[in-house]
Each structure stands twice: as structure tokens, then as C-alpha cells.
Amino acid sequence: MAKLDLSGLSSIDGFVAACLVDSDSGLALATVGGGSINLEVAAAGNSEVVKAKRRVAGALKLNDSIEDILITLGKQYHLIRPLERNDKLFLYVVLDRAKANLAMSRHELKSFEKALDFS
């Protein structure tokens, strides 16, 4: 896999950090931004969040897929979006809640995913 470019995510209003994560291993395959956020720790921890939510969805027999997972903090939004083309991978994006528009951010993340080049 070529080096994946996540820099396009930095144009989302309120952008703080992002990474592309392998949910099986918990490894960040690509990162951008970060500031005080340790993206390696975030990647590993959010892999567990994705696995847990998939287990619950399976136990509930929801017969549906996760579009995204939103974690709302006092000062930040954390968005987790499993990729449609490869559900073993997910995008994790941290946004400054005071500067972000959640609906637009979700829309931009979905558009970015569609344009992500795996070649």
C-alpha cells in the first residue's frame, strides 16, 4: 500500500488530528496533526471501541453496518468512521467542538473516504 495522504482532512473546520487505523492490529497506518493527542494510543484504544460496538451490534442482530461512531467530549468531537471499501480500516478524526460543524464534518469525512487512494 502506498503512503496514504490524510492532509485533506486538515481543511475540516475545527480539525485537530486524524489517523487511518487498522482495527485488527490497532496500528495507525497514516496520521496528520495531533497536537497534544498521542495518535498511536488513540488508534489502539479506538480499535477496541470499534470491536466492542461490532460485537454489540452482532449480539443485537441489527444486520446493519456502522457508518460512524461519535464520541462527544466537553471540548472535542471524536469521529470514528469504518471505511466502506475495507471495514478492517477506520478513520479517526478529532475536532475542536467550538470550531466544528458536526453535520458538515461528517459529510466532509464521508467525501474524503470516497476519494481516499489505496493504490
N, C-alpha and C. Protein backbone atom coordinates (compact mmCIF):
# COMPACT_ATOMS: atom_id res chain seq x y z
N MET A 1 0.85 -1.18 0.00
CA MET A 1 0.00 0.00 0.00
C MET A 1 0.90 1.24 0.00
N ALA A 2 0.60 2.19 -0.85
CA ALA A 2 1.36 3.43 -0.91
C ALA A 2 1.09 4.27 0.33
N LYS A 3 1.94 5.26 0.56
CA LYS A 3 1.73 6.15 1.69
C LYS A 3 0.41 6.88 1.49
N LEU A 4 -0.44 6.78 2.46
CA LEU A 4 -1.76 7.40 2.37
C LEU A 4 -1.69 8.84 2.84
N ASP A 5 -2.30 9.73 2.10
CA ASP A 5 -2.27 11.16 2.40
C ASP A 5 -3.58 11.57 3.06
N LEU A 6 -3.48 11.91 4.33
CA LEU A 6 -4.66 12.34 5.08
C LEU A 6 -4.73 13.86 5.22
N SER A 7 -3.82 14.58 4.57
CA SER A 7 -3.75 16.03 4.76
C SER A 7 -5.04 16.75 4.37
N GLY A 8 -5.83 16.16 3.47
CA GLY A 8 -7.10 16.78 3.09
C GLY A 8 -8.06 16.93 4.26
N LEU A 9 -7.91 16.10 5.26
CA LEU A 9 -8.79 16.19 6.43
C LEU A 9 -8.53 17.46 7.25
N SER A 10 -7.34 18.02 7.12
CA SER A 10 -7.00 19.19 7.93
C SER A 10 -7.80 20.43 7.52
N SER A 11 -8.51 20.36 6.39
CA SER A 11 -9.34 21.51 5.97
C SER A 11 -10.71 21.50 6.64
N ILE A 12 -11.05 20.44 7.36
CA ILE A 12 -12.34 20.40 8.08
C ILE A 12 -12.29 21.43 9.21
N ASP A 13 -13.33 22.24 9.33
CA ASP A 13 -13.39 23.26 10.39
C ASP A 13 -13.20 22.60 11.75
N GLY A 14 -12.29 23.15 12.53
CA GLY A 14 -12.04 22.64 13.88
C GLY A 14 -11.07 21.48 13.93
N PHE A 15 -10.46 21.12 12.80
CA PHE A 15 -9.57 19.97 12.75
C PHE A 15 -8.44 20.07 13.79
N VAL A 16 -8.20 18.95 14.47
CA VAL A 16 -7.10 18.84 15.42
C VAL A 16 -6.14 17.73 14.99
N ALA A 17 -6.70 16.55 14.68
CA ALA A 17 -5.86 15.40 14.37
C ALA A 17 -6.68 14.35 13.63
N ALA A 18 -5.97 13.45 12.93
CA ALA A 18 -6.64 12.33 12.27
C ALA A 18 -5.65 11.21 12.04
N CYS A 19 -6.19 10.00 11.96
CA CYS A 19 -5.37 8.87 11.56
C CYS A 19 -6.24 7.81 10.89
N LEU A 20 -5.58 7.01 10.07
CA LEU A 20 -6.18 5.85 9.44
C LEU A 20 -5.67 4.66 10.23
N VAL A 21 -6.59 3.82 10.70
CA VAL A 21 -6.23 2.77 11.65
C VAL A 21 -6.63 1.40 11.12
N ASP A 22 -5.76 0.43 11.34
CA ASP A 22 -6.05 -0.98 11.10
C ASP A 22 -6.71 -1.50 12.37
N SER A 23 -8.01 -1.83 12.30
CA SER A 23 -8.73 -2.22 13.51
C SER A 23 -8.29 -3.56 14.06
N ASP A 24 -7.71 -4.44 13.23
CA ASP A 24 -7.23 -5.73 13.73
C ASP A 24 -6.01 -5.57 14.63
N SER A 25 -5.06 -4.75 14.19
CA SER A 25 -3.81 -4.59 14.94
C SER A 25 -3.83 -3.38 15.87
N GLY A 26 -4.70 -2.40 15.60
CA GLY A 26 -4.71 -1.17 16.38
C GLY A 26 -3.63 -0.19 15.98
N LEU A 27 -2.96 -0.45 14.86
CA LEU A 27 -1.88 0.41 14.40
C LEU A 27 -2.39 1.55 13.53
N ALA A 28 -1.81 2.73 13.73
CA ALA A 28 -2.10 3.87 12.86
C ALA A 28 -1.27 3.71 11.60
N LEU A 29 -1.94 3.65 10.44
CA LEU A 29 -1.26 3.48 9.16
C LEU A 29 -0.83 4.81 8.56
N ALA A 30 -1.52 5.87 8.94
CA ALA A 30 -1.19 7.22 8.49
C ALA A 30 -1.76 8.19 9.51
N THR A 31 -1.07 9.31 9.70
CA THR A 31 -1.52 10.31 10.67
C THR A 31 -1.33 11.71 10.09
N VAL A 32 -2.09 12.66 10.63
CA VAL A 32 -1.92 14.07 10.32
C VAL A 32 -2.37 14.86 11.55
N GLY A 33 -1.65 15.94 11.86
CA GLY A 33 -1.99 16.74 13.02
C GLY A 33 -1.65 16.01 14.30
N GLY A 34 -2.31 16.39 15.36
CA GLY A 34 -2.12 15.69 16.62
C GLY A 34 -2.08 16.61 17.81
N GLY A 35 -1.17 17.60 17.76
CA GLY A 35 -1.05 18.47 18.93
C GLY A 35 -0.71 17.65 20.15
N SER A 36 -1.52 17.75 21.18
CA SER A 36 -1.26 17.02 22.43
C SER A 36 -1.85 15.61 22.42
N ILE A 37 -2.45 15.22 21.30
CA ILE A 37 -3.09 13.90 21.22
C ILE A 37 -2.09 12.87 20.69
N ASN A 38 -1.87 11.82 21.46
CA ASN A 38 -0.99 10.73 21.02
C ASN A 38 -1.82 9.83 20.11
N LEU A 39 -1.59 9.95 18.81
CA LEU A 39 -2.40 9.23 17.84
C LEU A 39 -2.16 7.72 17.87
N GLU A 40 -1.00 7.29 18.31
CA GLU A 40 -0.73 5.84 18.42
C GLU A 40 -1.61 5.24 19.53
N VAL A 41 -1.70 5.93 20.65
CA VAL A 41 -2.56 5.47 21.76
C VAL A 41 -4.03 5.54 21.35
N ALA A 42 -4.40 6.62 20.67
CA ALA A 42 -5.79 6.79 20.22
C ALA A 42 -6.17 5.68 19.24
N ALA A 43 -5.26 5.34 18.32
CA ALA A 43 -5.53 4.29 17.34
C ALA A 43 -5.81 2.96 18.03
N ALA A 44 -4.95 2.60 18.96
CA ALA A 44 -5.12 1.33 19.67
C ALA A 44 -6.41 1.32 20.48
N GLY A 45 -6.67 2.38 21.22
CA GLY A 45 -7.87 2.45 22.05
C GLY A 45 -9.15 2.45 21.25
N ASN A 46 -9.17 3.19 20.15
CA ASN A 46 -10.38 3.25 19.34
C ASN A 46 -10.62 1.98 18.54
N SER A 47 -9.58 1.19 18.32
CA SER A 47 -9.78 -0.14 17.72
C SER A 47 -10.65 -0.98 18.63
N GLU A 48 -10.42 -0.86 19.93
CA GLU A 48 -11.24 -1.60 20.90
C GLU A 48 -12.68 -1.10 20.90
N VAL A 49 -12.87 0.22 20.72
CA VAL A 49 -14.22 0.79 20.64
C VAL A 49 -14.97 0.20 19.44
N VAL A 50 -14.30 0.15 18.29
CA VAL A 50 -14.93 -0.38 17.08
C VAL A 50 -15.27 -1.86 17.26
N LYS A 51 -14.34 -2.63 17.80
CA LYS A 51 -14.59 -4.06 18.01
C LYS A 51 -15.76 -4.28 18.96
N ALA A 52 -15.81 -3.50 20.04
CA ALA A 52 -16.90 -3.64 21.02
C ALA A 52 -18.25 -3.30 20.39
N LYS A 53 -18.31 -2.24 19.62
CA LYS A 53 -19.58 -1.84 19.01
C LYS A 53 -20.04 -2.88 17.99
N ARG A 54 -19.10 -3.46 17.26
CA ARG A 54 -19.47 -4.52 16.32
C ARG A 54 -19.99 -5.76 17.05
N ARG A 55 -19.39 -6.09 18.19
CA ARG A 55 -19.89 -7.23 18.98
C ARG A 55 -21.31 -6.97 19.47
N VAL A 56 -21.56 -5.78 19.95
CA VAL A 56 -22.90 -5.42 20.45
C VAL A 56 -23.91 -5.44 19.31
N ALA A 57 -23.53 -4.86 18.16
CA ALA A 57 -24.44 -4.85 17.00
C ALA A 57 -24.76 -6.28 16.58
N GLY A 58 -23.77 -7.17 16.62
CA GLY A 58 -23.99 -8.57 16.28
C GLY A 58 -24.90 -9.26 17.29
N ALA A 59 -24.66 -9.00 18.57
CA ALA A 59 -25.48 -9.61 19.62
C ALA A 59 -26.93 -9.15 19.53
N LEU A 60 -27.13 -7.92 19.08
CA LEU A 60 -28.49 -7.38 18.93
C LEU A 60 -29.12 -7.76 17.60
N LYS A 61 -28.34 -8.47 16.76
CA LYS A 61 -28.82 -8.89 15.44
C LYS A 61 -29.36 -7.69 14.64
N LEU A 62 -28.58 -6.61 14.63
CA LEU A 62 -29.01 -5.40 13.94
C LEU A 62 -28.94 -5.53 12.42
N ASN A 63 -28.12 -6.46 11.92
CA ASN A 63 -27.97 -6.65 10.47
C ASN A 63 -27.77 -5.33 9.75
N ASP A 64 -26.85 -4.55 10.26
CA ASP A 64 -26.54 -3.25 9.70
C ASP A 64 -25.06 -3.00 9.93
N SER A 65 -24.53 -2.00 9.24
CA SER A 65 -23.11 -1.68 9.42
C SER A 65 -22.98 -0.33 10.11
N ILE A 66 -21.85 -0.13 10.74
CA ILE A 66 -21.58 1.13 11.43
C ILE A 66 -21.16 2.17 10.39
N GLU A 67 -21.88 3.28 10.35
CA GLU A 67 -21.49 4.38 9.46
C GLU A 67 -20.42 5.22 10.15
N ASP A 68 -20.70 5.62 11.37
CA ASP A 68 -19.68 6.28 12.18
C ASP A 68 -20.05 6.18 13.65
N ILE A 69 -19.06 6.42 14.47
CA ILE A 69 -19.22 6.44 15.92
C ILE A 69 -18.79 7.82 16.37
N LEU A 70 -19.62 8.47 17.14
CA LEU A 70 -19.33 9.81 17.63
C LEU A 70 -19.11 9.77 19.14
N ILE A 71 -18.00 10.32 19.57
CA ILE A 71 -17.73 10.49 20.99
C ILE A 71 -17.68 11.99 21.23
N THR A 72 -18.59 12.47 22.06
CA THR A 72 -18.70 13.90 22.33
C THR A 72 -18.08 14.20 23.68
N LEU A 73 -17.06 15.02 23.67
CA LEU A 73 -16.43 15.49 24.90
C LEU A 73 -16.81 16.95 25.11
N GLY A 74 -16.47 17.51 26.24
CA GLY A 74 -16.80 18.89 26.51
C GLY A 74 -16.20 19.86 25.51
N LYS A 75 -14.96 19.57 25.06
CA LYS A 75 -14.27 20.48 24.16
C LYS A 75 -13.99 19.89 22.78
N GLN A 76 -14.29 18.62 22.59
CA GLN A 76 -13.94 17.98 21.32
C GLN A 76 -15.01 17.00 20.86
N TYR A 77 -14.99 16.77 19.54
CA TYR A 77 -15.72 15.66 18.93
C TYR A 77 -14.66 14.67 18.46
N HIS A 78 -14.91 13.39 18.69
CA HIS A 78 -14.07 12.33 18.15
C HIS A 78 -14.95 11.50 17.24
N LEU A 79 -14.60 11.48 15.95
CA LEU A 79 -15.37 10.73 14.95
C LEU A 79 -14.58 9.50 14.52
N ILE A 80 -15.24 8.36 14.52
CA ILE A 80 -14.66 7.11 14.06
C ILE A 80 -15.51 6.64 12.89
N ARG A 81 -14.86 6.45 11.74
CA ARG A 81 -15.62 6.05 10.54
C ARG A 81 -14.96 4.85 9.88
N PRO A 82 -15.56 3.64 10.07
CA PRO A 82 -15.06 2.47 9.34
C PRO A 82 -15.21 2.71 7.84
N LEU A 83 -14.20 2.30 7.07
CA LEU A 83 -14.24 2.53 5.63
C LEU A 83 -15.21 1.57 4.96
N GLU A 84 -15.98 2.09 4.01
CA GLU A 84 -16.93 1.26 3.27
C GLU A 84 -16.19 0.23 2.42
N ARG A 85 -15.04 0.63 1.84
CA ARG A 85 -14.30 -0.26 0.95
C ARG A 85 -13.45 -1.29 1.67
N ASN A 86 -13.19 -1.07 2.95
CA ASN A 86 -12.39 -2.00 3.73
C ASN A 86 -12.75 -1.82 5.20
N ASP A 87 -13.65 -2.65 5.72
CA ASP A 87 -14.14 -2.44 7.08
C ASP A 87 -13.12 -2.82 8.16
N LYS A 88 -11.94 -3.29 7.76
CA LYS A 88 -10.86 -3.52 8.73
C LYS A 88 -10.14 -2.22 9.07
N LEU A 89 -10.38 -1.18 8.24
CA LEU A 89 -9.76 0.12 8.45
C LEU A 89 -10.80 1.14 8.87
N PHE A 90 -10.36 2.11 9.67
CA PHE A 90 -11.26 3.21 10.01
C PHE A 90 -10.48 4.52 10.10
N LEU A 91 -11.18 5.60 9.83
CA LEU A 91 -10.65 6.93 10.01
C LEU A 91 -11.06 7.42 11.39
N TYR A 92 -10.13 8.04 12.08
CA TYR A 92 -10.38 8.62 13.39
C TYR A 92 -10.02 10.10 13.29
N VAL A 93 -10.97 10.97 13.59
CA VAL A 93 -10.76 12.41 13.46
C VAL A 93 -11.15 13.09 14.77
N VAL A 94 -10.28 14.01 15.21
CA VAL A 94 -10.54 14.81 16.41
C VAL A 94 -10.79 16.24 15.96
N LEU A 95 -11.90 16.81 16.44
CA LEU A 95 -12.29 18.17 16.09
C LEU A 95 -12.48 19.01 17.34
N ASP A 96 -12.13 20.28 17.24
CA ASP A 96 -12.40 21.25 18.30
C ASP A 96 -13.88 21.57 18.23
N ARG A 97 -14.58 21.24 19.28
CA ARG A 97 -16.04 21.38 19.29
C ARG A 97 -16.51 22.82 19.09
N ALA A 98 -15.74 23.78 19.58
CA ALA A 98 -16.13 25.19 19.46
C ALA A 98 -16.03 25.70 18.02
N LYS A 99 -15.21 25.02 17.18
CA LYS A 99 -14.98 25.49 15.82
C LYS A 99 -15.60 24.58 14.76
N ALA A 100 -16.04 23.41 15.14
CA ALA A 100 -16.52 22.42 14.17
C ALA A 100 -18.03 22.49 14.00
N ASN A 101 -18.46 22.16 12.79
CA ASN A 101 -19.87 21.95 12.49
C ASN A 101 -20.00 20.43 12.30
N LEU A 102 -20.64 19.76 13.24
CA LEU A 102 -20.67 18.30 13.24
C LEU A 102 -21.27 17.72 11.96
N ALA A 103 -22.39 18.25 11.51
CA ALA A 103 -23.03 17.73 10.30
C ALA A 103 -22.12 17.89 9.08
N MET A 104 -21.51 19.05 8.94
CA MET A 104 -20.60 19.28 7.81
C MET A 104 -19.35 18.41 7.94
N SER A 105 -18.86 18.25 9.14
CA SER A 105 -17.67 17.41 9.36
C SER A 105 -17.94 15.97 8.95
N ARG A 106 -19.08 15.44 9.30
CA ARG A 106 -19.44 14.07 8.92
C ARG A 106 -19.54 13.95 7.40
N HIS A 107 -20.15 14.96 6.77
CA HIS A 107 -20.27 14.98 5.31
C HIS A 107 -18.88 15.02 4.65
N GLU A 108 -18.01 15.88 5.15
CA GLU A 108 -16.67 16.01 4.58
C GLU A 108 -15.85 14.73 4.80
N LEU A 109 -16.03 14.10 5.94
CA LEU A 109 -15.31 12.84 6.21
C LEU A 109 -15.77 11.74 5.25
N LYS A 110 -17.06 11.68 4.99
CA LYS A 110 -17.59 10.69 4.05
C LYS A 110 -17.04 10.94 2.64
N SER A 111 -17.02 12.20 2.23
CA SER A 111 -16.48 12.54 0.91
C SER A 111 -14.99 12.23 0.82
N PHE A 112 -14.26 12.52 1.89
CA PHE A 112 -12.83 12.22 1.90
C PHE A 112 -12.59 10.72 1.76
N GLU A 113 -13.39 9.94 2.47
CA GLU A 113 -13.25 8.49 2.40
C GLU A 113 -13.42 7.99 0.97
N LYS A 114 -14.41 8.49 0.27
CA LYS A 114 -14.66 8.05 -1.11
C LYS A 114 -13.48 8.37 -2.03
N ALA A 115 -12.77 9.46 -1.74
CA ALA A 115 -11.64 9.88 -2.58
C ALA A 115 -10.31 9.29 -2.12
N LEU A 116 -10.28 8.61 -0.99
CA LEU A 116 -9.03 8.07 -0.44
C LEU A 116 -8.43 7.06 -1.42
N ASP A 117 -7.16 7.27 -1.73
CA ASP A 117 -6.47 6.43 -2.74
C ASP A 117 -5.64 5.37 -2.05
N PHE A 118 -6.01 4.11 -2.28
CA PHE A 118 -5.30 2.98 -1.69
C PHE A 118 -4.20 2.44 -2.61
N SER A 119 -4.08 2.98 -3.83
CA SER A 119 -3.13 2.41 -4.80
C SER A 119 -1.71 2.84 -4.55
